Protein backbone atom coordinates (compact mmCIF):
# COMPACT_ATOMS: atom_id res chain seq x y z
CA UNK A 1 33.34 -29.03 61.66
CA UNK A 2 31.41 -32.05 60.63
CA UNK A 3 30.97 -33.37 57.10
CA UNK A 4 27.58 -32.62 55.39
CA UNK A 5 26.91 -36.45 54.85
CA UNK A 6 27.49 -36.99 58.57
CA UNK A 7 24.66 -34.46 59.40
CA UNK A 8 22.38 -36.00 56.83
CA UNK A 9 22.85 -39.53 58.21
CA UNK A 10 22.34 -38.38 61.82
CA UNK A 11 19.02 -36.70 60.73
CA UNK A 12 17.86 -39.92 59.18
CA UNK A 13 18.56 -41.96 62.29
CA UNK A 14 17.00 -39.14 64.72
CA UNK A 15 14.33 -40.55 67.07
CA UNK A 16 12.15 -37.51 66.44
CA UNK A 17 12.15 -38.01 62.73
CA UNK A 18 8.69 -39.46 61.50
CA UNK A 19 9.07 -42.89 60.04
CA UNK A 20 6.52 -44.65 57.69
CA UNK A 21 5.74 -48.21 58.66
CA UNK A 22 3.69 -50.43 56.56
CA UNK A 23 2.90 -54.10 57.09
CA UNK A 24 3.27 -56.03 53.86
CA UNK A 25 1.64 -59.41 53.68
CA UNK A 26 3.53 -61.34 50.81
CA UNK A 27 0.64 -63.91 50.50
CA UNK A 28 -1.95 -61.25 49.66
CA UNK A 29 0.48 -59.47 47.22
CA UNK A 30 1.08 -62.80 45.48
CA UNK A 31 -2.54 -63.62 45.26
CA UNK A 32 -3.36 -60.29 43.89
CA UNK A 33 -0.58 -60.68 41.20
CA UNK A 34 -2.39 -63.81 39.86
CA UNK A 35 -5.60 -61.73 39.08
CA UNK A 36 -3.72 -58.80 37.61
CA UNK A 37 -5.50 -57.67 34.47
CA UNK A 38 -8.87 -58.93 35.73
CA UNK A 39 -11.96 -56.84 36.27
CA UNK A 40 -12.57 -56.65 39.93
CA UNK A 41 -14.53 -54.87 42.63
CA UNK A 42 -12.59 -53.83 45.67
CA UNK A 43 -14.33 -52.97 48.89
CA UNK A 44 -12.35 -50.53 51.03
CA UNK A 45 -12.93 -49.03 54.38
CA UNK A 46 -14.14 -45.97 52.34
CA UNK A 47 -16.40 -47.64 49.97
CA UNK A 48 -16.21 -49.88 46.75
CA UNK A 49 -14.11 -49.41 43.57
CA UNK A 50 -14.77 -51.26 40.22
CA UNK A 51 -12.07 -51.48 37.61
CA UNK A 52 -9.35 -53.52 36.05
CA UNK A 53 -6.42 -54.51 38.31
CA UNK A 54 -3.67 -52.98 36.33
CA UNK A 55 -0.69 -53.29 38.87
CA UNK A 56 0.19 -54.75 42.33
CA UNK A 57 2.86 -53.26 44.53
CA UNK A 58 3.84 -54.40 48.09
CA UNK A 59 1.58 -51.59 49.66
CA UNK A 60 -1.00 -50.64 47.10
CA UNK A 61 -2.87 -51.76 43.98
CA UNK A 62 -3.64 -49.67 40.82
CA UNK A 63 -7.22 -49.84 39.60
CA UNK A 64 -8.05 -48.54 36.27
CA UNK A 65 -11.62 -47.54 35.82
CA UNK A 66 -13.31 -45.84 32.64
CA UNK A 67 -11.53 -42.41 32.80
CA UNK A 68 -9.68 -42.70 36.14
CA UNK A 69 -6.95 -44.53 37.98
CA UNK A 70 -7.14 -45.46 41.62
CA UNK A 71 -4.36 -46.26 43.96
CA UNK A 72 -5.68 -48.25 46.74
CA UNK A 73 -3.65 -49.11 49.89
CA UNK A 74 -3.73 -52.67 50.57
CA UNK A 75 -4.20 -52.17 54.21
CA UNK A 76 -7.51 -50.39 53.33
CA UNK A 77 -8.94 -53.41 51.31
CA UNK A 78 -11.79 -55.35 53.16
CA UNK A 79 -12.39 -57.71 50.21
CA UNK A 80 -11.83 -58.23 46.36
CA UNK A 81 -14.00 -60.18 43.87
CA UNK A 82 -14.10 -60.67 40.15
CA UNK A 83 -16.74 -58.52 38.39
């Protein structure tokens, strides 16, 4: 009989288990950190969003608009400019 933690570990290393892969560009993240708190327009592959850049994480940004928050994946950003 195998130990439950051994089974869990083997499942995590299974080649059939899907894995999320995200490319992180530290220069983009660092640049976005410098404009945190600014009002910006973000053009994405799905359209543009206008709001305040509230937070920056390695894989997404948080934009706060009038009554909504938008989590935008950095990989989907085409360009950003101050508004």
